[in-house]
Amino acid sequence: MSEEKFVSLEEKIAFLQNMIDDLNMVVFRQGKKIEILNNQIKETNNKIISQSESQPNLSEKIDNKPPHY
């Protein structure tokens, strides 16, 4: 192979390695973001559960119709 082909292949490989590194960083950041969002969902669910446990009669009051119906 000629010297030009080797240089061209090395440039392509370097470009692809750089692209792979960039994509790995994107995946890493997305994984961190997903982890943060999952933690927020768990906290929100726990808050909702604790509020519903502290006010169990609230749902009964909402479901009951007033006496004049």
PDB file of N, CA and C in Angstrom:
ATOM      1  N   MET A   1       0.843  -1.196   0.000  1.00  0.00           N
ATOM      2  CA  MET A   1       0.000   0.000   0.000  1.00  0.00           C
ATOM      3  C   MET A   1       0.877   1.243   0.000  1.00  0.00           C
ATOM      4  N   SER A   2       0.332   2.267  -0.570  1.00  0.00           N
ATOM      5  CA  SER A   2       1.099   3.495  -0.649  1.00  0.00           C
ATOM      6  C   SER A   2       1.023   4.257   0.678  1.00  0.00           C
ATOM      7  N   GLU A   3       1.911   5.186   0.816  1.00  0.00           N
ATOM      8  CA  GLU A   3       1.978   6.012   2.030  1.00  0.00           C
ATOM      9  C   GLU A   3       0.707   6.838   2.208  1.00  0.00           C
ATOM     10  N   GLU A   4       0.147   7.309   1.096  1.00  0.00           N
ATOM     11  CA  GLU A   4      -1.077   8.113   1.162  1.00  0.00           C
ATOM     12  C   GLU A   4      -2.242   7.303   1.717  1.00  0.00           C
ATOM     13  N   LYS A   5      -2.351   6.040   1.330  1.00  0.00           N
ATOM     14  CA  LYS A   5      -3.439   5.197   1.826  1.00  0.00           C
ATOM     15  C   LYS A   5      -3.296   4.950   3.317  1.00  0.00           C
ATOM     16  N   PHE A   6      -2.056   4.736   3.774  1.00  0.00           N
ATOM     17  CA  PHE A   6      -1.836   4.545   5.209  1.00  0.00           C
ATOM     18  C   PHE A   6      -2.231   5.786   6.002  1.00  0.00           C
ATOM     19  N   VAL A   7      -1.844   6.930   5.497  1.00  0.00           N
ATOM     20  CA  VAL A   7      -2.184   8.188   6.167  1.00  0.00           C
ATOM     21  C   VAL A   7      -3.693   8.383   6.176  1.00  0.00           C
ATOM     22  N   SER A   8      -4.326   8.087   5.050  1.00  0.00           N
ATOM     23  CA  SER A   8      -5.773   8.229   4.968  1.00  0.00           C
ATOM     24  C   SER A   8      -6.467   7.288   5.953  1.00  0.00           C
ATOM     25  N   LEU A   9      -6.022   6.054   6.040  1.00  0.00           N
ATOM     26  CA  LEU A   9      -6.604   5.101   6.988  1.00  0.00           C
ATOM     27  C   LEU A   9      -6.375   5.524   8.434  1.00  0.00           C
ATOM     28  N   GLU A  10      -5.201   6.025   8.732  1.00  0.00           N
ATOM     29  CA  GLU A  10      -4.913   6.493  10.090  1.00  0.00           C
ATOM     30  C   GLU A  10      -5.796   7.669  10.459  1.00  0.00           C
ATOM     31  N   GLU A  11      -6.043   8.566   9.508  1.00  0.00           N
ATOM     32  CA  GLU A  11      -6.929   9.701   9.768  1.00  0.00           C
ATOM     33  C   GLU A  11      -8.345   9.224  10.039  1.00  0.00           C
ATOM     34  N   LYS A  12      -8.830   8.275   9.251  1.00  0.00           N
ATOM     35  CA  LYS A  12     -10.175   7.745   9.448  1.00  0.00           C
ATOM     36  C   LYS A  12     -10.297   7.045  10.803  1.00  0.00           C
ATOM     37  N   ILE A  13      -9.281   6.276  11.153  1.00  0.00           N
ATOM     38  CA  ILE A  13      -9.296   5.581  12.452  1.00  0.00           C
ATOM     39  C   ILE A  13      -9.295   6.586  13.587  1.00  0.00           C
ATOM     40  N   ALA A  14      -8.492   7.624  13.479  1.00  0.00           N
ATOM     41  CA  ALA A  14      -8.452   8.645  14.528  1.00  0.00           C
ATOM     42  C   ALA A  14      -9.802   9.345  14.646  1.00  0.00           C
ATOM     43  N   PHE A  15     -10.416   9.640  13.519  1.00  0.00           N
ATOM     44  CA  PHE A  15     -11.737  10.276  13.522  1.00  0.00           C
ATOM     45  C   PHE A  15     -12.764   9.370  14.193  1.00  0.00           C
ATOM     46  N   LEU A  16     -12.764   8.081  13.836  1.00  0.00           N
ATOM     47  CA  LEU A  16     -13.717   7.134  14.411  1.00  0.00           C
ATOM     48  C   LEU A  16     -13.487   6.945  15.912  1.00  0.00           C
ATOM     49  N   GLN A  17     -12.231   6.914  16.335  1.00  0.00           N
ATOM     50  CA  GLN A  17     -11.938   6.795  17.769  1.00  0.00           C
ATOM     51  C   GLN A  17     -12.455   8.009  18.525  1.00  0.00           C
ATOM     52  N   ASN A  18     -12.292   9.182  17.930  1.00  0.00           N
ATOM     53  CA  ASN A  18     -12.794  10.405  18.556  1.00  0.00           C
ATOM     54  C   ASN A  18     -14.314  10.376  18.640  1.00  0.00           C
ATOM     55  N   MET A  19     -14.961   9.906  17.583  1.00  0.00           N
ATOM     56  CA  MET A  19     -16.414   9.824  17.567  1.00  0.00           C
ATOM     57  C   MET A  19     -16.904   8.828  18.623  1.00  0.00           C
ATOM     58  N   ILE A  20     -16.238   7.713  18.750  1.00  0.00           N
ATOM     59  CA  ILE A  20     -16.614   6.717  19.764  1.00  0.00           C
ATOM     60  C   ILE A  20     -16.474   7.295  21.158  1.00  0.00           C
ATOM     61  N   ASP A  21     -15.403   8.025  21.402  1.00  0.00           N
ATOM     62  CA  ASP A  21     -15.214   8.661  22.715  1.00  0.00           C
ATOM     63  C   ASP A  21     -16.332   9.654  23.007  1.00  0.00           C
ATOM     64  N   ASP A  22     -16.693  10.444  22.002  1.00  0.00           N
ATOM     65  CA  ASP A  22     -17.783  11.409  22.175  1.00  0.00           C
ATOM     66  C   ASP A  22     -19.106  10.700  22.486  1.00  0.00           C
ATOM     67  N   LEU A  23     -19.390   9.624  21.752  1.00  0.00           N
ATOM     68  CA  LEU A  23     -20.627   8.881  21.978  1.00  0.00           C
ATOM     69  C   LEU A  23     -20.631   8.213  23.356  1.00  0.00           C
ATOM     70  N   ASN A  24     -19.485   7.735  23.794  1.00  0.00           N
ATOM     71  CA  ASN A  24     -19.393   7.152  25.133  1.00  0.00           C
ATOM     72  C   ASN A  24     -19.708   8.188  26.207  1.00  0.00           C
ATOM     73  N   MET A  25     -19.250   9.402  26.007  1.00  0.00           N
ATOM     74  CA  MET A  25     -19.549  10.456  26.974  1.00  0.00           C
ATOM     75  C   MET A  25     -21.037  10.785  26.988  1.00  0.00           C
ATOM     76  N   VAL A  26     -21.661  10.786  25.812  1.00  0.00           N
ATOM     77  CA  VAL A  26     -23.100  11.043  25.731  1.00  0.00           C
ATOM     78  C   VAL A  26     -23.861   9.964  26.489  1.00  0.00           C
ATOM     79  N   VAL A  27     -23.502   8.709  26.263  1.00  0.00           N
ATOM     80  CA  VAL A  27     -24.167   7.595  26.947  1.00  0.00           C
ATOM     81  C   VAL A  27     -23.946   7.694  28.450  1.00  0.00           C
ATOM     82  N   PHE A  28     -22.751   8.046  28.870  1.00  0.00           N
ATOM     83  CA  PHE A  28     -22.444   8.188  30.296  1.00  0.00           C
ATOM     84  C   PHE A  28     -23.300   9.282  30.926  1.00  0.00           C
ATOM     85  N   ARG A  29     -23.394  10.423  30.264  1.00  0.00           N
ATOM     86  CA  ARG A  29     -24.204  11.526  30.793  1.00  0.00           C
ATOM     87  C   ARG A  29     -25.683  11.147  30.843  1.00  0.00           C
ATOM     88  N   GLN A  30     -26.150  10.468  29.826  1.00  0.00           N
ATOM     89  CA  GLN A  30     -27.549  10.040  29.812  1.00  0.00           C
ATOM     90  C   GLN A  30     -27.820   9.046  30.943  1.00  0.00           C
ATOM     91  N   GLY A  31     -26.888   8.160  31.198  1.00  0.00           N
ATOM     92  CA  GLY A  31     -27.036   7.211  32.297  1.00  0.00           C
ATOM     93  C   GLY A  31     -27.139   7.926  33.635  1.00  0.00           C
ATOM     94  N   LYS A  32     -26.299   8.939  33.837  1.00  0.00           N
ATOM     95  CA  LYS A  32     -26.356   9.723  35.073  1.00  0.00           C
ATOM     96  C   LYS A  32     -27.693  10.443  35.191  1.00  0.00           C
ATOM     97  N   LYS A  33     -28.155  11.025  34.094  1.00  0.00           N
ATOM     98  CA  LYS A  33     -29.438  11.741  34.098  1.00  0.00           C
ATOM     99  C   LYS A  33     -30.590  10.787  34.402  1.00  0.00           C
ATOM    100  N   ILE A  34     -30.561   9.599  33.814  1.00  0.00           N
ATOM    101  CA  ILE A  34     -31.597   8.603  34.083  1.00  0.00           C
ATOM    102  C   ILE A  34     -31.581   8.208  35.550  1.00  0.00           C
ATOM    103  N   GLU A  35     -30.406   8.042  36.105  1.00  0.00           N
ATOM    104  CA  GLU A  35     -30.288   7.700  37.527  1.00  0.00           C
ATOM    105  C   GLU A  35     -30.885   8.798  38.412  1.00  0.00           C
ATOM    106  N   ILE A  36     -30.600  10.042  38.090  1.00  0.00           N
ATOM    107  CA  ILE A  36     -31.146  11.172  38.850  1.00  0.00           C
ATOM    108  C   ILE A  36     -32.663  11.204  38.737  1.00  0.00           C
ATOM    109  N   LEU A  37     -33.178  11.028  37.524  1.00  0.00           N
ATOM    110  CA  LEU A  37     -34.628  11.050  37.317  1.00  0.00           C
ATOM    111  C   LEU A  37     -35.307   9.889  38.037  1.00  0.00           C
ATOM    112  N   ASN A  38     -34.700   8.708  38.035  1.00  0.00           N
ATOM    113  CA  ASN A  38     -35.265   7.576  38.764  1.00  0.00           C
ATOM    114  C   ASN A  38     -35.332   7.858  40.261  1.00  0.00           C
ATOM    115  N   ASN A  39     -34.287   8.483  40.791  1.00  0.00           N
ATOM    116  CA  ASN A  39     -34.295   8.840  42.213  1.00  0.00           C
ATOM    117  C   ASN A  39     -35.395   9.851  42.523  1.00  0.00           C
ATOM    118  N   GLN A  40     -35.593  10.812  41.619  1.00  0.00           N
ATOM    119  CA  GLN A  40     -36.655  11.796  41.826  1.00  0.00           C
ATOM    120  C   GLN A  40     -38.031  11.140  41.783  1.00  0.00           C
ATOM    121  N   ILE A  41     -38.205  10.190  40.888  1.00  0.00           N
ATOM    122  CA  ILE A  41     -39.489   9.476  40.806  1.00  0.00           C
ATOM    123  C   ILE A  41     -39.735   8.698  42.091  1.00  0.00           C
ATOM    124  N   LYS A  42     -38.712   8.019  42.591  1.00  0.00           N
ATOM    125  CA  LYS A  42     -38.859   7.264  43.843  1.00  0.00           C
ATOM    126  C   LYS A  42     -39.223   8.182  45.000  1.00  0.00           C
ATOM    127  N   GLU A  43     -38.552   9.332  45.085  1.00  0.00           N
ATOM    128  CA  GLU A  43     -38.854  10.293  46.155  1.00  0.00           C
ATOM    129  C   GLU A  43     -40.289  10.801  46.036  1.00  0.00           C
ATOM    130  N   THR A  44     -40.709  11.109  44.825  1.00  0.00           N
ATOM    131  CA  THR A  44     -42.074  11.598  44.612  1.00  0.00           C
ATOM    132  C   THR A  44     -43.092  10.524  44.984  1.00  0.00           C
ATOM    133  N   ASN A  45     -42.841   9.291  44.577  1.00  0.00           N
ATOM    134  CA  ASN A  45     -43.741   8.196  44.933  1.00  0.00           C
ATOM    135  C   ASN A  45     -43.813   8.012  46.441  1.00  0.00           C
ATOM    136  N   ASN A  46     -42.667   8.091  47.098  1.00  0.00           N
ATOM    137  CA  ASN A  46     -42.654   7.951  48.560  1.00  0.00           C
ATOM    138  C   ASN A  46     -43.442   9.081  49.230  1.00  0.00           C
ATOM    139  N   LYS A  47     -43.322  10.294  48.710  1.00  0.00           N
ATOM    140  CA  LYS A  47     -44.073  11.418  49.270  1.00  0.00           C
ATOM    141  C   LYS A  47     -45.569  11.209  49.080  1.00  0.00           C
ATOM    142  N   ILE A  48     -45.949  10.747  47.899  1.00  0.00           N
ATOM    143  CA  ILE A  48     -47.369  10.516  47.631  1.00  0.00           C
ATOM    144  C   ILE A  48     -47.906   9.422  48.544  1.00  0.00           C
ATOM    145  N   ILE A  49     -47.156   8.358  48.702  1.00  0.00           N
ATOM    146  CA  ILE A  49     -47.587   7.265  49.569  1.00  0.00           C
ATOM    147  C   ILE A  49     -47.705   7.728  51.012  1.00  0.00           C
ATOM    148  N   SER A  50     -46.719   8.482  51.473  1.00  0.00           N
ATOM    149  CA  SER A  50     -46.766   8.941  52.861  1.00  0.00           C
ATOM    150  C   SER A  50     -47.923   9.921  53.080  1.00  0.00           C
ATOM    151  N   GLN A  51     -48.222  10.751  52.096  1.00  0.00           N
ATOM    152  CA  GLN A  51     -49.355  11.667  52.223  1.00  0.00           C
ATOM    153  C   GLN A  51     -50.675  10.917  52.213  1.00  0.00           C
ATOM    154  N   SER A  52     -50.775   9.900  51.369  1.00  0.00           N
ATOM    155  CA  SER A  52     -52.028   9.143  51.315  1.00  0.00           C
ATOM    156  C   SER A  52     -52.219   8.316  52.579  1.00  0.00           C
ATOM    157  N   GLU A  53     -51.126   7.874  53.186  1.00  0.00           N
ATOM    158  CA  GLU A  53     -51.233   7.127  54.444  1.00  0.00           C
ATOM    159  C   GLU A  53     -51.589   8.041  55.608  1.00  0.00           C
ATOM    160  N   SER A  54     -51.139   9.275  55.551  1.00  0.00           N
ATOM    161  CA  SER A  54     -51.429  10.197  56.645  1.00  0.00           C
ATOM    162  C   SER A  54     -52.849  10.758  56.551  1.00  0.00           C
ATOM    163  N   GLN A  55     -53.461  10.670  55.360  1.00  0.00           N
ATOM    164  CA  GLN A  55     -54.822  11.169  55.170  1.00  0.00           C
ATOM    165  C   GLN A  55     -55.674  10.079  54.509  1.00  0.00           C
ATOM    166  N   PRO A  56     -55.898   8.959  55.194  1.00  0.00           N
ATOM    167  CA  PRO A  56     -56.638   7.870  54.543  1.00  0.00           C
ATOM    168  C   PRO A  56     -58.114   8.187  54.319  1.00  0.00           C
ATOM    169  N   ASN A  57     -58.694   9.072  55.126  1.00  0.00           N
ATOM    170  CA  ASN A  57     -60.118   9.379  54.997  1.00  0.00           C
ATOM    171  C   ASN A  57     -60.397  10.376  53.889  1.00  0.00           C
ATOM    172  N   LEU A  58     -59.381  10.991  53.345  1.00  0.00           N
ATOM    173  CA  LEU A  58     -59.574  11.992  52.304  1.00  0.00           C
ATOM    174  C   LEU A  58     -60.211  11.371  51.064  1.00  0.00           C
ATOM    175  N   SER A  59     -59.766  10.197  50.672  1.00  0.00           N
ATOM    176  CA  SER A  59     -60.341   9.560  49.487  1.00  0.00           C
ATOM    177  C   SER A  59     -61.787   9.158  49.736  1.00  0.00           C
ATOM    178  N   GLU A  60     -62.114   8.774  50.963  1.00  0.00           N
ATOM    179  CA  GLU A  60     -63.499   8.432  51.282  1.00  0.00           C
ATOM    180  C   GLU A  60     -64.393   9.670  51.215  1.00  0.00           C
ATOM    181  N   LYS A  61     -63.883  10.790  51.665  1.00  0.00           N
ATOM    182  CA  LYS A  61     -64.663  12.031  51.625  1.00  0.00           C
ATOM    183  C   LYS A  61     -64.913  12.461  50.187  1.00  0.00           C
ATOM    184  N   ILE A  62     -63.960  12.265  49.335  1.00  0.00           N
ATOM    185  CA  ILE A  62     -64.111  12.659  47.939  1.00  0.00           C
ATOM    186  C   ILE A  62     -65.131  11.758  47.247  1.00  0.00           C
ATOM    187  N   ASP A  63     -65.123  10.468  47.559  1.00  0.00           N
ATOM    188  CA  ASP A  63     -66.025   9.517  46.917  1.00  0.00           C
ATOM    189  C   ASP A  63     -67.456   9.628  47.413  1.00  0.00           C
ATOM    190  N   ASN A  64     -67.641  10.063  48.650  1.00  0.00           N
ATOM    191  CA  ASN A  64     -68.995  10.148  49.215  1.00  0.00           C
ATOM    192  C   ASN A  64     -69.731  11.347  48.633  1.00  0.00           C
ATOM    193  N   LYS A  65     -71.006  11.095  48.301  1.00  0.00           N
ATOM    194  CA  LYS A  65     -71.845  12.190  47.803  1.00  0.00           C
ATOM    195  C   LYS A  65     -72.458  12.901  49.000  1.00  0.00           C
ATOM    196  N   PRO A  66     -72.739  14.161  48.853  1.00  0.00           N
ATOM    197  CA  PRO A  66     -73.390  14.882  49.953  1.00  0.00           C
ATOM    198  C   PRO A  66     -74.751  14.262  50.258  1.00  0.00           C
ATOM    199  N   PRO A  67     -75.271  14.462  51.489  1.00  0.00           N
ATOM    200  CA  PRO A  67     -76.501  13.809  51.893  1.00  0.00           C
ATOM    201  C   PRO A  67     -77.720  14.196  51.070  1.00  0.00           C
ATOM    202  N   HIS A  68     -77.744  15.354  50.459  1.00  0.00           N
ATOM    203  CA  HIS A  68     -78.935  15.776  49.726  1.00  0.00           C
ATOM    204  C   HIS A  68     -79.092  15.091  48.370  1.00  0.00           C
ATOM    205  N   TYR A  69     -78.149  14.239  47.968  1.00  0.00           N
ATOM    206  CA  TYR A  69     -78.272  13.537  46.682  1.00  0.00           C
ATOM    207  C   TYR A  69     -79.019  12.287  46.914  1.00  0.00           C
TER     208      TYR A  69
END
